[in-house]
Protein backbone atom coordinates (compact mmCIF):
# COMPACT_ATOMS: atom_id res chain seq x y z
CA UNK A 1 -42.32 32.44 -8.77
CA UNK A 2 -43.23 32.61 -5.48
CA UNK A 3 -40.93 35.00 -3.18
CA UNK A 4 -39.87 31.80 -0.72
CA UNK A 5 -39.15 30.02 -3.54
CA UNK A 6 -37.35 32.06 -5.34
CA UNK A 7 -34.83 32.22 -2.34
CA UNK A 8 -34.41 28.50 -1.98
CA UNK A 9 -33.48 27.82 -5.49
CA UNK A 10 -31.24 30.80 -5.35
CA UNK A 11 -29.39 29.18 -2.20
CA UNK A 12 -29.58 25.68 -4.30
CA UNK A 13 -27.01 27.39 -7.29
CA UNK A 14 -25.09 29.18 -4.61
CA UNK A 15 -24.53 25.59 -2.51
CA UNK A 16 -23.68 23.52 -5.57
CA UNK A 17 -21.62 26.06 -6.95
CA UNK A 18 -19.48 26.14 -4.23
CA UNK A 19 -19.33 22.29 -4.28
CA UNK A 20 -18.32 22.88 -7.75
CA UNK A 21 -15.08 24.97 -6.61
CA UNK A 22 -14.35 22.80 -4.12
CA UNK A 23 -14.12 19.98 -6.62
CA UNK A 24 -13.54 21.38 -9.90
CA UNK A 25 -9.93 21.19 -10.43
CA UNK A 26 -6.95 23.17 -11.65
CA UNK A 27 -6.02 23.31 -15.41
CA UNK A 28 -3.37 20.25 -14.81
CA UNK A 29 -6.71 18.23 -14.20
CA UNK A 30 -7.98 18.71 -18.00
CA UNK A 31 -4.39 19.19 -19.26
CA UNK A 32 -3.50 16.34 -21.78
CA UNK A 33 -0.03 15.53 -20.34
CA UNK A 34 0.52 12.30 -18.71
CA UNK A 35 -0.17 13.02 -14.89
CA UNK A 36 3.50 12.38 -12.86
CA UNK A 37 3.28 9.43 -9.91
CA UNK A 38 5.68 8.70 -7.39
CA UNK A 39 5.89 5.91 -4.72
CA UNK A 40 6.65 6.34 -1.61
CA UNK A 41 7.79 3.28 0.70
CA UNK A 42 8.24 2.96 3.86
CA UNK A 43 10.42 -0.60 4.90
CA UNK A 44 12.49 -2.00 7.80
CA UNK A 45 13.99 -5.56 7.33
CA UNK A 46 12.79 -6.34 3.73
CA UNK A 47 15.70 -7.74 2.58
CA UNK A 48 14.04 -11.37 0.71
CA UNK A 49 11.68 -8.84 -1.11
CA UNK A 50 13.26 -5.30 -1.27
CA UNK A 51 15.39 -5.55 -4.26
CA UNK A 52 11.88 -6.97 -6.46
CA UNK A 53 9.50 -4.31 -4.89
CA UNK A 54 12.25 -1.52 -6.44
CA UNK A 55 13.20 -3.33 -9.23
CA UNK A 56 8.96 -4.41 -10.93
CA UNK A 57 7.65 -0.37 -9.61
CA UNK A 58 10.20 1.92 -11.20
CA UNK A 59 9.68 1.25 -14.23
CA UNK A 60 6.37 2.20 -13.49
CA UNK A 61 6.23 5.32 -11.68
CA UNK A 62 8.29 8.55 -12.50
CA UNK A 63 10.68 8.34 -9.17
CA UNK A 64 10.54 6.75 -5.39
CA UNK A 65 10.93 7.85 -1.93
CA UNK A 66 11.98 5.73 0.22
CA UNK A 67 12.18 6.18 4.03
CA UNK A 68 14.37 3.24 5.92
CA UNK A 69 13.42 3.09 9.75
CA UNK A 70 16.62 1.07 10.74
CA UNK A 71 17.16 -1.93 8.82
CA UNK A 72 19.64 -4.30 10.23
CA UNK A 73 19.06 -7.00 7.70
CA UNK A 74 20.79 -5.64 4.91
CA UNK A 75 17.93 -3.69 3.10
CA UNK A 76 19.57 -0.50 3.73
CA UNK A 77 22.23 -1.60 1.72
CA UNK A 78 20.76 -3.07 -1.44
CA UNK A 79 18.50 -0.28 -1.46
CA UNK A 80 21.89 1.85 -1.40
CA UNK A 81 22.52 0.32 -4.94
CA UNK A 82 19.02 1.47 -6.75
CA UNK A 83 19.60 5.31 -5.54
CA UNK A 84 19.60 8.06 -8.07
CA UNK A 85 17.92 10.56 -9.01
CA UNK A 86 14.65 8.44 -9.54
CA UNK A 87 14.67 7.23 -6.15
CA UNK A 88 15.65 8.81 -2.92
CA UNK A 89 16.35 7.18 0.28
CA UNK A 90 16.00 9.09 3.65
CA UNK A 91 16.61 7.54 6.60
CA UNK A 92 14.82 7.27 9.75
CA UNK A 93 15.68 5.07 12.67
CA UNK A 94 13.69 6.26 15.31
CA UNK A 95 12.31 2.95 16.77
CA UNK A 96 8.37 3.67 17.29
CA UNK A 97 5.62 2.63 15.08
CA UNK A 98 4.68 6.34 13.73
CA UNK A 99 4.16 4.97 10.10
CA UNK A 100 2.06 8.32 9.26
CA UNK A 101 4.65 11.09 10.19
CA UNK A 102 6.85 9.52 8.15
CA UNK A 103 4.80 8.99 4.78
CA UNK A 104 3.35 12.27 5.20
CA UNK A 105 6.25 13.44 4.96
CA UNK A 106 7.31 11.58 1.91
CA UNK A 107 4.00 12.72 0.33
CA UNK A 108 4.72 16.42 0.80
CA UNK A 109 8.22 15.50 -0.73
CA UNK A 110 6.67 13.50 -3.91
CA UNK A 111 4.24 16.66 -4.32
CA UNK A 112 7.51 18.95 -4.13
CA UNK A 113 9.21 17.21 -6.82
CA UNK A 114 6.50 17.41 -9.16
CA UNK A 115 4.25 14.54 -8.55
CA UNK A 116 0.44 14.69 -9.29
CA UNK A 117 -0.64 11.75 -8.40
CA UNK A 118 0.91 9.17 -5.29
CA UNK A 119 1.08 5.56 -4.28
CA UNK A 120 1.40 4.68 -0.64
CA UNK A 121 3.51 1.35 -0.58
CA UNK A 122 4.98 -1.52 1.77
CA UNK A 123 7.48 -3.45 0.68
CA UNK A 124 5.59 -6.42 0.35
CA UNK A 125 2.65 -4.57 -1.57
CA UNK A 126 2.70 -5.07 -5.70
CA UNK A 127 0.58 -2.89 -7.81
CA UNK A 128 -0.95 -3.73 -10.48
CA UNK A 129 -2.53 -1.86 -13.34
CA UNK A 130 -1.90 0.79 -15.74
CA UNK A 131 -0.98 3.46 -12.86
CA UNK A 132 -0.60 6.70 -15.70
CA UNK A 133 -3.88 5.85 -17.64
CA UNK A 134 -6.14 5.12 -14.44
CA UNK A 135 -4.86 8.42 -12.38
CA UNK A 136 -5.86 10.35 -16.59
CA UNK A 137 -9.14 7.89 -16.84
CA UNK A 138 -10.39 9.60 -13.12
CA UNK A 139 -8.77 13.34 -12.81
CA UNK A 140 -10.84 14.22 -15.84
CA UNK A 141 -14.26 12.94 -13.61
CA UNK A 142 -12.75 14.92 -10.81
CA UNK A 143 -11.52 12.55 -9.01
CA UNK A 144 -8.80 12.72 -6.25
CA UNK A 145 -8.87 9.72 -4.28
CA UNK A 146 -8.54 5.96 -5.85
CA UNK A 147 -9.41 3.01 -3.43
CA UNK A 148 -7.45 -0.16 -4.34
CA UNK A 149 -8.59 -3.54 -3.09
CA UNK A 150 -5.71 -5.65 -2.13
CA UNK A 151 -5.44 -9.65 -2.54
CA UNK A 152 -3.45 -11.50 -0.20
CA UNK A 153 -1.25 -13.88 -1.42
CA UNK A 154 -1.21 -17.54 0.93
CA UNK A 155 1.58 -19.15 2.03
CA UNK A 156 0.32 -22.90 0.93
CA UNK A 157 1.00 -26.52 0.00
CA UNK A 158 1.25 -25.78 -4.14
CA UNK A 159 4.16 -23.70 -3.42
CA UNK A 160 7.86 -24.95 -4.21
CA UNK A 161 9.19 -24.62 -0.45
CA UNK A 162 13.08 -24.73 -1.73
CA UNK A 163 12.83 -21.29 -3.40
CA UNK A 164 14.19 -18.67 -1.47
CA UNK A 165 12.55 -15.73 -3.55
CA UNK A 166 8.98 -15.43 -2.29
CA UNK A 167 7.89 -13.68 -5.29
CA UNK A 168 9.29 -16.70 -7.58
CA UNK A 169 7.43 -19.42 -4.68
CA UNK A 170 3.82 -17.43 -3.91
CA UNK A 171 2.10 -18.36 -6.27
CA UNK A 172 -1.63 -18.41 -4.88
CA UNK A 173 -3.96 -15.39 -3.35
CA UNK A 174 -7.22 -15.10 -1.75
CA UNK A 175 -10.39 -14.82 -4.64
CA UNK A 176 -11.56 -12.19 -2.62
CA UNK A 177 -10.04 -9.31 -1.77
CA UNK A 178 -9.04 -8.22 1.71
CA UNK A 179 -12.33 -7.02 2.80
CA UNK A 180 -10.78 -4.44 5.77
CA UNK A 181 -7.07 -4.01 3.48
CA UNK A 182 -7.71 -1.45 0.94
CA UNK A 183 -4.59 1.17 0.29
CA UNK A 184 -5.40 4.57 -1.67
CA UNK A 185 -4.32 6.31 -4.52
CA UNK A 186 -4.22 9.71 -4.42
CA UNK A 187 -4.05 12.96 -6.17
CA UNK A 188 -1.18 15.66 -4.51
CA UNK A 189 -2.58 18.98 -4.48
CA UNK A 190 -5.15 18.42 -2.79
CA UNK A 191 -3.58 16.45 -0.09
CA UNK A 192 -4.12 17.24 3.56
CA UNK A 193 -3.48 14.16 6.02
CA UNK A 194 -2.59 10.37 5.69
CA UNK A 195 -3.72 7.90 8.62
CA UNK A 196 -1.60 5.00 10.34
CA UNK A 197 -1.63 1.93 8.21
CA UNK A 198 -1.94 4.29 4.52
CA UNK A 199 -5.53 3.20 4.40
CA UNK A 200 -7.04 6.77 4.17
CA UNK A 201 -5.98 10.24 3.64
CA UNK A 202 -8.08 13.04 3.93
CA UNK A 203 -8.03 15.43 1.48
CA UNK A 204 -9.65 18.78 0.29
CA UNK A 205 -12.42 18.18 -2.43
CA UNK A 206 -12.76 15.86 -5.17
CA UNK A 207 -14.52 12.36 -5.49
CA UNK A 208 -13.36 9.15 -4.17
CA UNK A 209 -13.59 5.84 -6.19
CA UNK A 210 -13.37 1.96 -5.32
CA UNK A 211 -11.59 0.77 -8.52
CA UNK A 212 -12.19 -2.67 -9.70
CA UNK A 213 -9.61 -5.47 -9.91
CA UNK A 214 -9.70 -5.11 -13.22
CA UNK A 215 -8.24 -1.67 -13.11
CA UNK A 216 -5.72 -2.11 -10.42
CA UNK A 217 -5.55 -4.24 -7.75
CA UNK A 218 -2.73 -5.00 -4.62
CA UNK A 219 -1.18 -8.45 -4.52
CA UNK A 220 0.10 -8.25 -1.06
CA UNK A 221 2.94 -11.05 -0.05
CA UNK A 222 2.21 -10.17 3.36
CA UNK A 223 3.06 -13.42 5.47
CA UNK A 224 6.68 -15.25 3.90
CA UNK A 225 6.27 -18.09 5.78
CA UNK A 226 6.70 -18.95 9.36
CA UNK A 227 9.79 -17.66 10.64
CA UNK A 228 8.43 -14.33 9.16
CA UNK A 229 5.61 -14.51 10.24
CA UNK A 230 6.70 -14.43 13.96
CA UNK A 231 9.58 -12.00 13.37
CA UNK A 232 7.22 -9.61 11.72
CA UNK A 233 4.70 -9.62 14.51
CA UNK A 234 7.18 -9.25 17.54
CA UNK A 235 8.96 -6.42 15.55
CA UNK A 236 5.86 -4.61 14.91
CA UNK A 237 4.27 -4.84 18.22
CA UNK A 238 7.60 -3.99 20.22
CA UNK A 239 7.85 -0.93 17.97
CA UNK A 240 4.70 -0.17 19.75
CA UNK A 241 5.88 -0.28 22.90
CA UNK A 242 6.03 2.97 24.99
CA UNK A 243 4.67 4.88 22.30
CA UNK A 244 1.99 7.04 23.17
CA UNK A 245 -0.03 5.66 19.80
CA UNK A 246 -3.93 4.24 20.23
CA UNK A 247 -4.25 0.60 21.59
CA UNK A 248 -5.99 -0.05 18.50
CA UNK A 249 -2.94 0.14 16.44
CA UNK A 250 -1.54 -2.93 15.06
CA UNK A 251 -3.84 -5.10 16.91
CA UNK A 252 -3.76 -8.26 14.37
CA UNK A 253 0.01 -8.69 14.96
CA UNK A 254 -0.22 -7.84 18.96
CA UNK A 255 -2.65 -10.29 19.48
CA UNK A 256 0.57 -12.53 17.52
CA UNK A 257 2.41 -11.25 20.07
CA UNK A 258 0.47 -12.02 22.82
CA UNK A 259 0.12 -15.27 21.96
CA UNK A 260 4.14 -15.73 21.60
CA UNK A 261 4.56 -14.19 24.84
CA UNK A 262 2.39 -16.64 26.87
CA UNK A 263 2.89 -19.78 25.29
CA UNK A 264 5.83 -19.50 22.74
CA UNK A 265 6.57 -20.16 18.87
CA UNK A 266 3.95 -23.53 19.60
CA UNK A 267 1.27 -21.38 20.20
CA UNK A 268 2.27 -18.97 17.34
CA UNK A 269 3.08 -22.05 14.78
CA UNK A 270 -0.86 -23.33 15.87
CA UNK A 271 -2.23 -19.34 14.76
CA UNK A 272 -0.23 -19.71 11.43
CA UNK A 273 -1.02 -23.26 10.54
CA UNK A 274 -5.22 -22.71 11.54
CA UNK A 275 -5.07 -18.51 10.18
CA UNK A 276 -2.48 -18.26 7.40
CA UNK A 277 -1.14 -21.23 5.67
CA UNK A 278 -3.77 -23.25 2.97
CA UNK A 279 -3.40 -27.00 3.17
CA UNK A 280 -4.29 -29.11 0.01
CA UNK A 281 -7.91 -29.64 1.84
CA UNK A 282 -8.74 -25.94 1.11
CA UNK A 283 -6.78 -25.30 -1.86
CA UNK A 284 -10.19 -24.14 -3.51
CA UNK A 285 -9.97 -21.03 -1.40
CA UNK A 286 -7.31 -19.32 -3.55
CA UNK A 287 -6.34 -18.95 -7.26
CA UNK A 288 -2.93 -19.27 -8.71
CA UNK A 289 -1.41 -15.47 -9.64
CA UNK A 290 1.54 -15.44 -11.24
CA UNK A 291 1.53 -11.57 -12.65
CA UNK A 292 4.43 -9.72 -10.50
CA UNK A 293 6.55 -13.10 -10.73
CA UNK A 294 5.75 -12.76 -14.56
CA UNK A 295 6.80 -9.23 -15.05
CA UNK A 296 9.76 -10.08 -13.15
CA UNK A 297 10.95 -12.78 -15.42
CA UNK A 298 11.03 -14.86 -12.90
CA UNK A 299 10.71 -18.98 -13.77
CA UNK A 300 7.75 -20.94 -13.68
CA UNK A 301 8.88 -23.21 -10.88
CA UNK A 302 6.61 -22.88 -7.96
C-alpha cells in the first residue's frame, strides 16, 4: 500500500476511534438494570389539570421535580398534597419567562438524585408509552436523545361542554403530529443545556432519533376552551415584557396578546374560532383518543 494511502487510512481510523469514544456509553448503558426515569415540570396556574398530570405520570416514573412559578389559582396547594420523596416541589415566583433556566436546574437535580433519563414536561402535556422500555432499548444502541412527537387535543363540537375536567371533556386530537412542536426524552449523564421551550437539548455525544408515535407520543391539552386560551396568551406574553429574552420567543402567544390589546375579547374570539375550535364540518381532521382518560379511569362521557 502506498505511504499516502496508509496515512489516510490511519487518520480515518483515528477519527472513527474518537467518535466511538464520544458515543460509547459508560458501563451503566449496558446495565441489565432498568433505567431510572425522572420528569421535570414547570407550571403556573394549572389548577384544572395539575392533579391529573401528577396522577397520570407518577406511576410511570421514579420521581417528579416540580417548579411552581408563583401560581395564584390553587395549583401550589394542590401540588402540596402530592409532596413526598418522589414528588419534589420547588418555588420560583420570579416573573420573567426564563423557562430554560428553571428546567436546567431541575434536570441537574434529577441527575444528582440518580435519574438516568429525564422527560421535561409542561402541565398540559401527557406522555404516552413505556418510558423504561424505550430508554433501555435505545441506550443499548448509543442513543442519548429521543424526539417525541406531540399531538394537539382540540376543543371541538363533539365534546361534552358541561364536563369541567379537560381530560374527560377533550377526547379528540389532530391526526398528524404538530410538525413544529416536538419534545425530547434524553439521557442525563451527557446533558449540557436545554433550550427555551424544552424542544431541544445539547448533550455530549450519543445519537439522536425521532420516535414513532406507537413508541412514545404526547397528547397536548394546550387550549382548554376560549377563556383558558385568552388567559394563557395574555399571561405568558406579559411574562416576556421587560425581559431581555429574544423577541421571537413566545411569538404565537404574543400574536394573540396583540390582537387582544387592539380589538379586545371579540378579536381574540374570532382567532380562536378560526384556528383552535373545530366545528362539525371539520371533524374529519380529528381522531378520537381516549388513552389518557382511560388511564385515569374517567367515565366515557364525552
